[in-house]
Amino acid sequence: MSITTERLASLIQRELAPIVNQEIKDKSFGYINLTEVKVTKDMSYATIYYTILNDEEEVLSRAKKAIEEVKATIRMELAKKIRNIRKIPDLVFKYDEALAYGNHIDQLLKTIK
């Protein structure tokens, strides 16, 4: 990543976190935490990795559906916040499984003891 894509990724993550949680009306799955943002070299796509505390399959699918429903609104609100770039990248949201995997390993280690 060049410095400009790293800066853009950092800026998107900082500005996007409150927007995502404000725009999503379904609060049954709790707070959505953005863990990482990766921007492509041509700055046309931004992949946003997110986690939620409840990792049940039904809750994850509801969260994904809620995010997809308001993705266009989230991108518009992000464009209002970030004005120093020509084009806001398309947003791709992906669930970050690292936290769930870490919890699974932790549970396995506890059962061994």
PDB file of N, CA and C in Angstrom:
ATOM      1  N   MET A   1       0.838  -1.189   0.000  1.00  0.00           N
ATOM      2  CA  MET A   1       0.000   0.000   0.000  1.00  0.00           C
ATOM      3  C   MET A   1       0.878   1.246   0.000  1.00  0.00           C
ATOM      4  N   SER A   2       0.517   2.164  -0.804  1.00  0.00           N
ATOM      5  CA  SER A   2       1.225   3.437  -0.750  1.00  0.00           C
ATOM      6  C   SER A   2       0.687   4.256   0.413  1.00  0.00           C
ATOM      7  N   ILE A   3       1.371   5.311   0.720  1.00  0.00           N
ATOM      8  CA  ILE A   3       0.973   6.121   1.866  1.00  0.00           C
ATOM      9  C   ILE A   3      -0.415   6.728   1.669  1.00  0.00           C
ATOM     10  N   THR A   4      -0.778   7.031   0.446  1.00  0.00           N
ATOM     11  CA  THR A   4      -2.091   7.636   0.231  1.00  0.00           C
ATOM     12  C   THR A   4      -3.225   6.639   0.486  1.00  0.00           C
ATOM     13  N   THR A   5      -3.039   5.387   0.094  1.00  0.00           N
ATOM     14  CA  THR A   5      -4.081   4.404   0.357  1.00  0.00           C
ATOM     15  C   THR A   5      -4.154   4.079   1.847  1.00  0.00           C
ATOM     16  N   GLU A   6      -3.011   4.066   2.529  1.00  0.00           N
ATOM     17  CA  GLU A   6      -3.015   3.837   3.975  1.00  0.00           C
ATOM     18  C   GLU A   6      -3.722   4.975   4.704  1.00  0.00           C
ATOM     19  N   ARG A   7      -3.436   6.192   4.294  1.00  0.00           N
ATOM     20  CA  ARG A   7      -4.109   7.339   4.910  1.00  0.00           C
ATOM     21  C   ARG A   7      -5.602   7.316   4.650  1.00  0.00           C
ATOM     22  N   LEU A   8      -5.973   6.985   3.427  1.00  0.00           N
ATOM     23  CA  LEU A   8      -7.391   6.919   3.086  1.00  0.00           C
ATOM     24  C   LEU A   8      -8.086   5.825   3.887  1.00  0.00           C
ATOM     25  N   ALA A   9      -7.442   4.676   4.032  1.00  0.00           N
ATOM     26  CA  ALA A   9      -8.025   3.582   4.814  1.00  0.00           C
ATOM     27  C   ALA A   9      -8.230   4.009   6.263  1.00  0.00           C
ATOM     28  N   SER A  10      -7.244   4.675   6.824  1.00  0.00           N
ATOM     29  CA  SER A  10      -7.348   5.151   8.208  1.00  0.00           C
ATOM     30  C   SER A  10      -8.460   6.187   8.347  1.00  0.00           C
ATOM     31  N   LEU A  11      -8.531   7.094   7.404  1.00  0.00           N
ATOM     32  CA  LEU A  11      -9.558   8.132   7.426  1.00  0.00           C
ATOM     33  C   LEU A  11     -10.955   7.532   7.285  1.00  0.00           C
ATOM     34  N   ILE A  12     -11.101   6.572   6.388  1.00  0.00           N
ATOM     35  CA  ILE A  12     -12.396   5.924   6.197  1.00  0.00           C
ATOM     36  C   ILE A  12     -12.812   5.204   7.470  1.00  0.00           C
ATOM     37  N   GLN A  13     -11.891   4.481   8.096  1.00  0.00           N
ATOM     38  CA  GLN A  13     -12.232   3.750   9.316  1.00  0.00           C
ATOM     39  C   GLN A  13     -12.663   4.701  10.426  1.00  0.00           C
ATOM     40  N   ARG A  14     -11.942   5.803  10.572  1.00  0.00           N
ATOM     41  CA  ARG A  14     -12.269   6.768  11.629  1.00  0.00           C
ATOM     42  C   ARG A  14     -13.626   7.434  11.393  1.00  0.00           C
ATOM     43  N   GLU A  15     -13.906   7.799  10.173  1.00  0.00           N
ATOM     44  CA  GLU A  15     -15.158   8.501   9.866  1.00  0.00           C
ATOM     45  C   GLU A  15     -16.354   7.557   9.738  1.00  0.00           C
ATOM     46  N   LEU A  16     -16.090   6.306   9.356  1.00  0.00           N
ATOM     47  CA  LEU A  16     -17.176   5.381   9.062  1.00  0.00           C
ATOM     48  C   LEU A  16     -17.790   4.745  10.305  1.00  0.00           C
ATOM     49  N   ALA A  17     -17.021   4.556  11.357  1.00  0.00           N
ATOM     50  CA  ALA A  17     -17.514   3.862  12.555  1.00  0.00           C
ATOM     51  C   ALA A  17     -18.785   4.499  13.123  1.00  0.00           C
ATOM     52  N   PRO A  18     -18.805   5.806  13.378  1.00  0.00           N
ATOM     53  CA  PRO A  18     -20.054   6.369  13.900  1.00  0.00           C
ATOM     54  C   PRO A  18     -21.197   6.376  12.878  1.00  0.00           C
ATOM     55  N   ILE A  19     -20.857   6.512  11.606  1.00  0.00           N
ATOM     56  CA  ILE A  19     -21.892   6.540  10.568  1.00  0.00           C
ATOM     57  C   ILE A  19     -22.609   5.196  10.499  1.00  0.00           C
ATOM     58  N   VAL A  20     -21.859   4.106  10.518  1.00  0.00           N
ATOM     59  CA  VAL A  20     -22.452   2.776  10.409  1.00  0.00           C
ATOM     60  C   VAL A  20     -23.417   2.531  11.560  1.00  0.00           C
ATOM     61  N   ASN A  21     -22.978   2.822  12.767  1.00  0.00           N
ATOM     62  CA  ASN A  21     -23.835   2.548  13.928  1.00  0.00           C
ATOM     63  C   ASN A  21     -25.008   3.514  14.034  1.00  0.00           C
ATOM     64  N   GLN A  22     -24.896   4.680  13.435  1.00  0.00           N
ATOM     65  CA  GLN A  22     -26.010   5.630  13.438  1.00  0.00           C
ATOM     66  C   GLN A  22     -27.058   5.255  12.397  1.00  0.00           C
ATOM     67  N   GLU A  23     -26.630   4.786  11.232  1.00  0.00           N
ATOM     68  CA  GLU A  23     -27.557   4.525  10.130  1.00  0.00           C
ATOM     69  C   GLU A  23     -28.317   3.214  10.267  1.00  0.00           C
ATOM     70  N   ILE A  24     -27.759   2.253  10.981  1.00  0.00           N
ATOM     71  CA  ILE A  24     -28.426   0.961  11.122  1.00  0.00           C
ATOM     72  C   ILE A  24     -29.464   1.066  12.222  1.00  0.00           C
ATOM     73  N   LYS A  25     -30.700   0.825  11.863  1.00  0.00           N
ATOM     74  CA  LYS A  25     -31.815   0.984  12.802  1.00  0.00           C
ATOM     75  C   LYS A  25     -32.011  -0.250  13.688  1.00  0.00           C
ATOM     76  N   ASP A  26     -31.661  -1.422  13.185  1.00  0.00           N
ATOM     77  CA  ASP A  26     -31.825  -2.660  13.949  1.00  0.00           C
ATOM     78  C   ASP A  26     -30.682  -2.780  14.956  1.00  0.00           C
ATOM     79  N   LYS A  27     -30.977  -2.565  16.219  1.00  0.00           N
ATOM     80  CA  LYS A  27     -29.955  -2.608  17.267  1.00  0.00           C
ATOM     81  C   LYS A  27     -29.955  -3.927  18.027  1.00  0.00           C
ATOM     82  N   SER A  28     -30.654  -4.943  17.511  1.00  0.00           N
ATOM     83  CA  SER A  28     -30.758  -6.214  18.230  1.00  0.00           C
ATOM     84  C   SER A  28     -29.427  -6.964  18.301  1.00  0.00           C
ATOM     85  N   PHE A  29     -28.510  -6.688  17.391  1.00  0.00           N
ATOM     86  CA  PHE A  29     -27.214  -7.363  17.427  1.00  0.00           C
ATOM     87  C   PHE A  29     -26.139  -6.515  18.078  1.00  0.00           C
ATOM     88  N   GLY A  30     -26.504  -5.337  18.535  1.00  0.00           N
ATOM     89  CA  GLY A  30     -25.564  -4.496  19.282  1.00  0.00           C
ATOM     90  C   GLY A  30     -24.702  -3.615  18.399  1.00  0.00           C
ATOM     91  N   TYR A  31     -23.573  -3.231  18.945  1.00  0.00           N
ATOM     92  CA  TYR A  31     -22.653  -2.307  18.304  1.00  0.00           C
ATOM     93  C   TYR A  31     -21.816  -3.026  17.255  1.00  0.00           C
ATOM     94  N   ILE A  32     -21.629  -2.392  16.119  1.00  0.00           N
ATOM     95  CA  ILE A  32     -20.781  -2.935  15.060  1.00  0.00           C
ATOM     96  C   ILE A  32     -19.426  -2.257  15.174  1.00  0.00           C
ATOM     97  N   ASN A  33     -18.393  -3.069  15.340  1.00  0.00           N
ATOM     98  CA  ASN A  33     -17.042  -2.552  15.481  1.00  0.00           C
ATOM     99  C   ASN A  33     -16.289  -2.762  14.171  1.00  0.00           C
ATOM    100  N   LEU A  34     -15.740  -1.705  13.617  1.00  0.00           N
ATOM    101  CA  LEU A  34     -14.949  -1.812  12.395  1.00  0.00           C
ATOM    102  C   LEU A  34     -13.512  -2.127  12.789  1.00  0.00           C
ATOM    103  N   THR A  35     -13.006  -3.267  12.342  1.00  0.00           N
ATOM    104  CA  THR A  35     -11.674  -3.691  12.759  1.00  0.00           C
ATOM    105  C   THR A  35     -10.580  -3.263  11.795  1.00  0.00           C
ATOM    106  N   GLU A  36     -10.885  -3.236  10.506  1.00  0.00           N
ATOM    107  CA  GLU A  36      -9.859  -2.895   9.527  1.00  0.00           C
ATOM    108  C   GLU A  36     -10.503  -2.407   8.240  1.00  0.00           C
ATOM    109  N   VAL A  37      -9.791  -1.538   7.549  1.00  0.00           N
ATOM    110  CA  VAL A  37     -10.225  -1.069   6.233  1.00  0.00           C
ATOM    111  C   VAL A  37      -9.055  -1.236   5.283  1.00  0.00           C
ATOM    112  N   LYS A  38      -9.310  -1.862   4.156  1.00  0.00           N
ATOM    113  CA  LYS A  38      -8.292  -2.020   3.116  1.00  0.00           C
ATOM    114  C   LYS A  38      -8.805  -1.351   1.855  1.00  0.00           C
ATOM    115  N   VAL A  39      -7.977  -0.497   1.278  1.00  0.00           N
ATOM    116  CA  VAL A  39      -8.336   0.223   0.060  1.00  0.00           C
ATOM    117  C   VAL A  39      -7.460  -0.296  -1.067  1.00  0.00           C
ATOM    118  N   THR A  40      -8.073  -0.539  -2.234  1.00  0.00           N
ATOM    119  CA  THR A  40      -7.292  -1.008  -3.382  1.00  0.00           C
ATOM    120  C   THR A  40      -6.372   0.094  -3.868  1.00  0.00           C
ATOM    121  N   LYS A  41      -5.355  -0.280  -4.640  1.00  0.00           N
ATOM    122  CA  LYS A  41      -4.362   0.695  -5.099  1.00  0.00           C
ATOM    123  C   LYS A  41      -4.970   1.790  -5.964  1.00  0.00           C
ATOM    124  N   ASP A  42      -5.983   1.441  -6.740  1.00  0.00           N
ATOM    125  CA  ASP A  42      -6.624   2.453  -7.573  1.00  0.00           C
ATOM    126  C   ASP A  42      -7.717   3.216  -6.827  1.00  0.00           C
ATOM    127  N   MET A  43      -7.874   2.916  -5.546  1.00  0.00           N
ATOM    128  CA  MET A  43      -8.815   3.595  -4.654  1.00  0.00           C
ATOM    129  C   MET A  43     -10.267   3.500  -5.123  1.00  0.00           C
ATOM    130  N   SER A  44     -10.613   2.425  -5.816  1.00  0.00           N
ATOM    131  CA  SER A  44     -11.987   2.279  -6.276  1.00  0.00           C
ATOM    132  C   SER A  44     -12.828   1.429  -5.326  1.00  0.00           C
ATOM    133  N   TYR A  45     -12.185   0.601  -4.513  1.00  0.00           N
ATOM    134  CA  TYR A  45     -12.900  -0.239  -3.558  1.00  0.00           C
ATOM    135  C   TYR A  45     -12.261  -0.133  -2.173  1.00  0.00           C
ATOM    136  N   ALA A  46     -13.118  -0.144  -1.171  1.00  0.00           N
ATOM    137  CA  ALA A  46     -12.664  -0.199   0.217  1.00  0.00           C
ATOM    138  C   ALA A  46     -13.360  -1.393   0.866  1.00  0.00           C
ATOM    139  N   THR A  47     -12.568  -2.325   1.356  1.00  0.00           N
ATOM    140  CA  THR A  47     -13.112  -3.480   2.057  1.00  0.00           C
ATOM    141  C   THR A  47     -13.089  -3.176   3.539  1.00  0.00           C
ATOM    142  N   ILE A  48     -14.254  -3.202   4.148  1.00  0.00           N
ATOM    143  CA  ILE A  48     -14.389  -2.874   5.565  1.00  0.00           C
ATOM    144  C   ILE A  48     -14.683  -4.159   6.320  1.00  0.00           C
ATOM    145  N   TYR A  49     -13.810  -4.490   7.255  1.00  0.00           N
ATOM    146  CA  TYR A  49     -13.994  -5.675   8.094  1.00  0.00           C
ATOM    147  C   TYR A  49     -14.640  -5.236   9.399  1.00  0.00           C
ATOM    148  N   TYR A  50     -15.673  -5.984   9.810  1.00  0.00           N
ATOM    149  CA  TYR A  50     -16.412  -5.619  11.010  1.00  0.00           C
ATOM    150  C   TYR A  50     -16.629  -6.838  11.895  1.00  0.00           C
ATOM    151  N   THR A  51     -16.875  -6.582  13.177  1.00  0.00           N
ATOM    152  CA  THR A  51     -17.231  -7.640  14.113  1.00  0.00           C
ATOM    153  C   THR A  51     -18.418  -7.177  14.938  1.00  0.00           C
ATOM    154  N   ILE A  52     -19.125  -8.155  15.483  1.00  0.00           N
ATOM    155  CA  ILE A  52     -20.157  -7.905  16.479  1.00  0.00           C
ATOM    156  C   ILE A  52     -19.923  -8.908  17.598  1.00  0.00           C
ATOM    157  N   LEU A  53     -20.418  -8.612  18.772  1.00  0.00           N
ATOM    158  CA  LEU A  53     -20.127  -9.463  19.919  1.00  0.00           C
ATOM    159  C   LEU A  53     -20.796 -10.828  19.833  1.00  0.00           C
ATOM    160  N   ASN A  54     -21.989 -10.890  19.301  1.00  0.00           N
ATOM    161  CA  ASN A  54     -22.716 -12.144  19.211  1.00  0.00           C
ATOM    162  C   ASN A  54     -22.380 -12.805  17.874  1.00  0.00           C
ATOM    163  N   ASP A  55     -21.761 -13.987  17.909  1.00  0.00           N
ATOM    164  CA  ASP A  55     -21.338 -14.631  16.669  1.00  0.00           C
ATOM    165  C   ASP A  55     -22.228 -15.800  16.253  1.00  0.00           C
ATOM    166  N   GLU A  56     -23.505 -15.769  16.666  1.00  0.00           N
ATOM    167  CA  GLU A  56     -24.451 -16.777  16.203  1.00  0.00           C
ATOM    168  C   GLU A  56     -24.803 -16.519  14.744  1.00  0.00           C
ATOM    169  N   GLU A  57     -25.051 -17.589  14.023  1.00  0.00           N
ATOM    170  CA  GLU A  57     -25.284 -17.491  12.576  1.00  0.00           C
ATOM    171  C   GLU A  57     -26.473 -16.586  12.229  1.00  0.00           C
ATOM    172  N   GLU A  58     -27.559 -16.707  12.961  1.00  0.00           N
ATOM    173  CA  GLU A  58     -28.749 -15.893  12.684  1.00  0.00           C
ATOM    174  C   GLU A  58     -28.470 -14.407  12.906  1.00  0.00           C
ATOM    175  N   VAL A  59     -27.772 -14.094  13.975  1.00  0.00           N
ATOM    176  CA  VAL A  59     -27.459 -12.703  14.299  1.00  0.00           C
ATOM    177  C   VAL A  59     -26.507 -12.122  13.254  1.00  0.00           C
ATOM    178  N   LEU A  60     -25.526 -12.916  12.825  1.00  0.00           N
ATOM    179  CA  LEU A  60     -24.587 -12.459  11.796  1.00  0.00           C
ATOM    180  C   LEU A  60     -25.302 -12.178  10.479  1.00  0.00           C
ATOM    181  N   SER A  61     -26.255 -13.022  10.114  1.00  0.00           N
ATOM    182  CA  SER A  61     -26.977 -12.794   8.858  1.00  0.00           C
ATOM    183  C   SER A  61     -27.871 -11.556   8.945  1.00  0.00           C
ATOM    184  N   ARG A  62     -28.474 -11.314  10.121  1.00  0.00           N
ATOM    185  CA  ARG A  62     -29.277 -10.096  10.284  1.00  0.00           C
ATOM    186  C   ARG A  62     -28.398  -8.851  10.208  1.00  0.00           C
ATOM    187  N   ALA A  63     -27.212  -8.919  10.803  1.00  0.00           N
ATOM    188  CA  ALA A  63     -26.295  -7.777  10.761  1.00  0.00           C
ATOM    189  C   ALA A  63     -25.835  -7.506   9.332  1.00  0.00           C
ATOM    190  N   LYS A  64     -25.504  -8.569   8.609  1.00  0.00           N
ATOM    191  CA  LYS A  64     -25.068  -8.404   7.223  1.00  0.00           C
ATOM    192  C   LYS A  64     -26.181  -7.809   6.369  1.00  0.00           C
ATOM    193  N   LYS A  65     -27.400  -8.294   6.570  1.00  0.00           N
ATOM    194  CA  LYS A  65     -28.546  -7.775   5.812  1.00  0.00           C
ATOM    195  C   LYS A  65     -28.782  -6.297   6.136  1.00  0.00           C
ATOM    196  N   ALA A  66     -28.676  -5.941   7.410  1.00  0.00           N
ATOM    197  CA  ALA A  66     -28.883  -4.544   7.816  1.00  0.00           C
ATOM    198  C   ALA A  66     -27.828  -3.630   7.203  1.00  0.00           C
ATOM    199  N   ILE A  67     -26.595  -4.092   7.163  1.00  0.00           N
ATOM    200  CA  ILE A  67     -25.515  -3.295   6.569  1.00  0.00           C
ATOM    201  C   ILE A  67     -25.745  -3.122   5.074  1.00  0.00           C
ATOM    202  N   GLU A  68     -26.103  -4.207   4.394  1.00  0.00           N
ATOM    203  CA  GLU A  68     -26.321  -4.139   2.951  1.00  0.00           C
ATOM    204  C   GLU A  68     -27.483  -3.216   2.590  1.00  0.00           C
ATOM    205  N   GLU A  69     -28.506  -3.156   3.440  1.00  0.00           N
ATOM    206  CA  GLU A  69     -29.662  -2.299   3.160  1.00  0.00           C
ATOM    207  C   GLU A  69     -29.304  -0.821   3.201  1.00  0.00           C
ATOM    208  N   VAL A  70     -28.371  -0.441   4.059  1.00  0.00           N
ATOM    209  CA  VAL A  70     -28.039   0.984   4.213  1.00  0.00           C
ATOM    210  C   VAL A  70     -26.671   1.340   3.637  1.00  0.00           C
ATOM    211  N   LYS A  71     -26.094   0.451   2.843  1.00  0.00           N
ATOM    212  CA  LYS A  71     -24.752   0.686   2.307  1.00  0.00           C
ATOM    213  C   LYS A  71     -24.671   1.959   1.460  1.00  0.00           C
ATOM    214  N   ALA A  72     -25.674   2.225   0.655  1.00  0.00           N
ATOM    215  CA  ALA A  72     -25.661   3.429  -0.188  1.00  0.00           C
ATOM    216  C   ALA A  72     -25.739   4.692   0.673  1.00  0.00           C
ATOM    217  N   THR A  73     -26.562   4.653   1.702  1.00  0.00           N
ATOM    218  CA  THR A  73     -26.671   5.799   2.615  1.00  0.00           C
ATOM    219  C   THR A  73     -25.364   6.015   3.369  1.00  0.00           C
ATOM    220  N   ILE A  74     -24.745   4.930   3.790  1.00  0.00           N
ATOM    221  CA  ILE A  74     -23.465   5.027   4.492  1.00  0.00           C
ATOM    222  C   ILE A  74     -22.420   5.673   3.596  1.00  0.00           C
ATOM    223  N   ARG A  75     -22.401   5.276   2.322  1.00  0.00           N
ATOM    224  CA  ARG A  75     -21.425   5.844   1.383  1.00  0.00           C
ATOM    225  C   ARG A  75     -21.683   7.338   1.160  1.00  0.00           C
ATOM    226  N   MET A  76     -22.963   7.723   1.085  1.00  0.00           N
ATOM    227  CA  MET A  76     -23.294   9.154   0.929  1.00  0.00           C
ATOM    228  C   MET A  76     -22.852   9.959   2.141  1.00  0.00           C
ATOM    229  N   GLU A  77     -23.100   9.435   3.328  1.00  0.00           N
ATOM    230  CA  GLU A  77     -22.693  10.134   4.553  1.00  0.00           C
ATOM    231  C   GLU A  77     -21.172  10.222   4.642  1.00  0.00           C
ATOM    232  N   LEU A  78     -20.482   9.180   4.199  1.00  0.00           N
ATOM    233  CA  LEU A  78     -19.018   9.205   4.184  1.00  0.00           C
ATOM    234  C   LEU A  78     -18.515  10.270   3.223  1.00  0.00           C
ATOM    235  N   ALA A  79     -19.179  10.416   2.093  1.00  0.00           N
ATOM    236  CA  ALA A  79     -18.781  11.441   1.118  1.00  0.00           C
ATOM    237  C   ALA A  79     -18.931  12.846   1.691  1.00  0.00           C
ATOM    238  N   LYS A  80     -19.922  13.040   2.560  1.00  0.00           N
ATOM    239  CA  LYS A  80     -20.088  14.351   3.201  1.00  0.00           C
ATOM    240  C   LYS A  80     -18.952  14.643   4.172  1.00  0.00           C
ATOM    241  N   LYS A  81     -18.420  13.599   4.802  1.00  0.00           N
ATOM    242  CA  LYS A  81     -17.350  13.773   5.788  1.00  0.00           C
ATOM    243  C   LYS A  81     -15.978  13.922   5.144  1.00  0.00           C
ATOM    244  N   ILE A  82     -15.735  13.174   4.070  1.00  0.00           N
ATOM    245  CA  ILE A  82     -14.429  13.189   3.399  1.00  0.00           C
ATOM    246  C   ILE A  82     -14.579  13.966   2.097  1.00  0.00           C
ATOM    247  N   ARG A  83     -14.042  15.140   2.051  1.00  0.00           N
ATOM    248  CA  ARG A  83     -14.217  15.985   0.866  1.00  0.00           C
ATOM    249  C   ARG A  83     -12.927  16.174   0.064  1.00  0.00           C
ATOM    250  N   ASN A  84     -11.801  15.660   0.570  1.00  0.00           N
ATOM    251  CA  ASN A  84     -10.541  15.946  -0.113  1.00  0.00           C
ATOM    252  C   ASN A  84     -10.134  14.866  -1.113  1.00  0.00           C
ATOM    253  N   ILE A  85     -11.035  13.944  -1.462  1.00  0.00           N
ATOM    254  CA  ILE A  85     -10.751  12.996  -2.532  1.00  0.00           C
ATOM    255  C   ILE A  85     -11.832  13.126  -3.595  1.00  0.00           C
ATOM    256  N   ARG A  86     -11.445  12.777  -4.799  1.00  0.00           N
ATOM    257  CA  ARG A  86     -12.346  12.978  -5.928  1.00  0.00           C
ATOM    258  C   ARG A  86     -13.542  12.028  -5.904  1.00  0.00           C
ATOM    259  N   LYS A  87     -13.274  10.750  -5.643  1.00  0.00           N
ATOM    260  CA  LYS A  87     -14.337   9.745  -5.693  1.00  0.00           C
ATOM    261  C   LYS A  87     -14.254   8.862  -4.454  1.00  0.00           C
ATOM    262  N   ILE A  88     -15.384   8.702  -3.799  1.00  0.00           N
ATOM    263  CA  ILE A  88     -15.462   7.815  -2.639  1.00  0.00           C
ATOM    264  C   ILE A  88     -15.461   6.373  -3.163  1.00  0.00           C
ATOM    265  N   PRO A  89     -14.614   5.514  -2.607  1.00  0.00           N
ATOM    266  CA  PRO A  89     -14.574   4.127  -3.093  1.00  0.00           C
ATOM    267  C   PRO A  89     -15.865   3.370  -2.797  1.00  0.00           C
ATOM    268  N   ASP A  90     -16.138   2.370  -3.622  1.00  0.00           N
ATOM    269  CA  ASP A  90     -17.267   1.475  -3.348  1.00  0.00           C
ATOM    270  C   ASP A  90     -16.944   0.709  -2.072  1.00  0.00           C
ATOM    271  N   LEU A  91     -17.945   0.549  -1.209  1.00  0.00           N
ATOM    272  CA  LEU A  91     -17.732  -0.093   0.081  1.00  0.00           C
ATOM    273  C   LEU A  91     -18.149  -1.553   0.015  1.00  0.00           C
ATOM    274  N   VAL A  92     -17.250  -2.421   0.472  1.00  0.00           N
ATOM    275  CA  VAL A  92     -17.515  -3.850   0.551  1.00  0.00           C
ATOM    276  C   VAL A  92     -17.353  -4.242   2.014  1.00  0.00           C
ATOM    277  N   PHE A  93     -18.430  -4.699   2.635  1.00  0.00           N
ATOM    278  CA  PHE A  93     -18.399  -5.078   4.049  1.00  0.00           C
ATOM    279  C   PHE A  93     -18.217  -6.579   4.174  1.00  0.00           C
ATOM    280  N   LYS A  94     -17.257  -6.982   5.021  1.00  0.00           N
ATOM    281  CA  LYS A  94     -17.004  -8.402   5.279  1.00  0.00           C
ATOM    282  C   LYS A  94     -16.888  -8.617   6.781  1.00  0.00           C
ATOM    283  N   TYR A  95     -17.462  -9.714   7.231  1.00  0.00           N
ATOM    284  CA  TYR A  95     -17.378 -10.061   8.647  1.00  0.00           C
ATOM    285  C   TYR A  95     -15.965 -10.548   8.947  1.00  0.00           C
ATOM    286  N   ASP A  96     -15.350  -9.990   9.977  1.00  0.00           N
ATOM    287  CA  ASP A  96     -14.004 -10.361  10.397  1.00  0.00           C
ATOM    288  C   ASP A  96     -14.106 -11.538  11.360  1.00  0.00           C
ATOM    289  N   GLU A  97     -13.686 -12.690  10.909  1.00  0.00           N
ATOM    290  CA  GLU A  97     -13.824 -13.907  11.704  1.00  0.00           C
ATOM    291  C   GLU A  97     -12.687 -14.108  12.697  1.00  0.00           C
ATOM    292  N   ALA A  98     -11.734 -13.213  12.763  1.00  0.00           N
ATOM    293  CA  ALA A  98     -10.581 -13.370  13.648  1.00  0.00           C
ATOM    294  C   ALA A  98     -11.001 -13.406  15.116  1.00  0.00           C
ATOM    295  N   LEU A  99     -11.934 -12.560  15.518  1.00  0.00           N
ATOM    296  CA  LEU A  99     -12.383 -12.530  16.906  1.00  0.00           C
ATOM    297  C   LEU A  99     -13.097 -13.824  17.280  1.00  0.00           C
ATOM    298  N   ALA A 100     -13.962 -14.296  16.415  1.00  0.00           N
ATOM    299  CA  ALA A 100     -14.677 -15.549  16.681  1.00  0.00           C
ATOM    300  C   ALA A 100     -13.702 -16.722  16.739  1.00  0.00           C
ATOM    301  N   TYR A 101     -12.721 -16.716  15.857  1.00  0.00           N
ATOM    302  CA  TYR A 101     -11.722 -17.784  15.851  1.00  0.00           C
ATOM    303  C   TYR A 101     -10.888 -17.741  17.131  1.00  0.00           C
ATOM    304  N   GLY A 102     -10.517 -16.550  17.574  1.00  0.00           N
ATOM    305  CA  GLY A 102      -9.770 -16.394  18.820  1.00  0.00           C
ATOM    306  C   GLY A 102     -10.569 -16.889  20.018  1.00  0.00           C
ATOM    307  N   ASN A 103     -11.859 -16.589  20.051  1.00  0.00           N
ATOM    308  CA  ASN A 103     -12.723 -17.080  21.129  1.00  0.00           C
ATOM    309  C   ASN A 103     -12.831 -18.601  21.103  1.00  0.00           C
ATOM    310  N   HIS A 104     -12.887 -19.165  19.917  1.00  0.00           N
ATOM    311  CA  HIS A 104     -12.955 -20.612  19.781  1.00  0.00           C
ATOM    312  C   HIS A 104     -11.676 -21.265  20.319  1.00  0.00           C
ATOM    313  N   ILE A 105     -10.538 -20.729  19.974  1.00  0.00           N
ATOM    314  CA  ILE A 105      -9.254 -21.245  20.464  1.00  0.00           C
ATOM    315  C   ILE A 105      -9.174 -21.096  21.980  1.00  0.00           C
ATOM    316  N   ASP A 106      -9.648 -19.973  22.491  1.00  0.00           N
ATOM    317  CA  ASP A 106      -9.646 -19.747  23.937  1.00  0.00           C
ATOM    318  C   ASP A 106     -10.495 -20.794  24.654  1.00  0.00           C
ATOM    319  N   GLN A 107     -11.664 -21.108  24.094  1.00  0.00           N
ATOM    320  CA  GLN A 107     -12.525 -22.130  24.686  1.00  0.00           C
ATOM    321  C   GLN A 107     -11.852 -23.504  24.654  1.00  0.00           C
ATOM    322  N   LEU A 108     -11.164 -23.805  23.556  1.00  0.00           N
ATOM    323  CA  LEU A 108     -10.459 -25.081  23.461  1.00  0.00           C
ATOM    324  C   LEU A 108      -9.348 -25.186  24.517  1.00  0.00           C
ATOM    325  N   LEU A 109      -8.630 -24.097  24.708  1.00  0.00           N
ATOM    326  CA  LEU A 109      -7.559 -24.090  25.702  1.00  0.00           C
ATOM    327  C   LEU A 109      -8.108 -24.240  27.121  1.00  0.00           C
ATOM    328  N   LYS A 110      -9.267 -23.655  27.383  1.00  0.00           N
ATOM    329  CA  LYS A 110      -9.883 -23.782  28.700  1.00  0.00           C
ATOM    330  C   LYS A 110     -10.351 -25.210  28.967  1.00  0.00           C
ATOM    331  N   THR A 111     -10.837 -25.900  27.931  1.00  0.00           N
ATOM    332  CA  THR A 111     -11.275 -27.275  28.127  1.00  0.00           C
ATOM    333  C   THR A 111     -10.098 -28.213  28.325  1.00  0.00           C
ATOM    334  N   ILE A 112      -8.947 -27.885  27.784  1.00  0.00           N
ATOM    335  CA  ILE A 112      -7.750 -28.695  27.975  1.00  0.00           C
ATOM    336  C   ILE A 112      -7.275 -28.634  29.426  1.00  0.00           C
ATOM    337  N   LYS A 113      -7.346 -27.458  30.010  1.00  0.00           N
ATOM    338  CA  LYS A 113      -6.917 -27.290  31.405  1.00  0.00           C
ATOM    339  C   LYS A 113      -7.874 -27.988  32.274  1.00  0.00           C
TER     340      LYS A 113
END
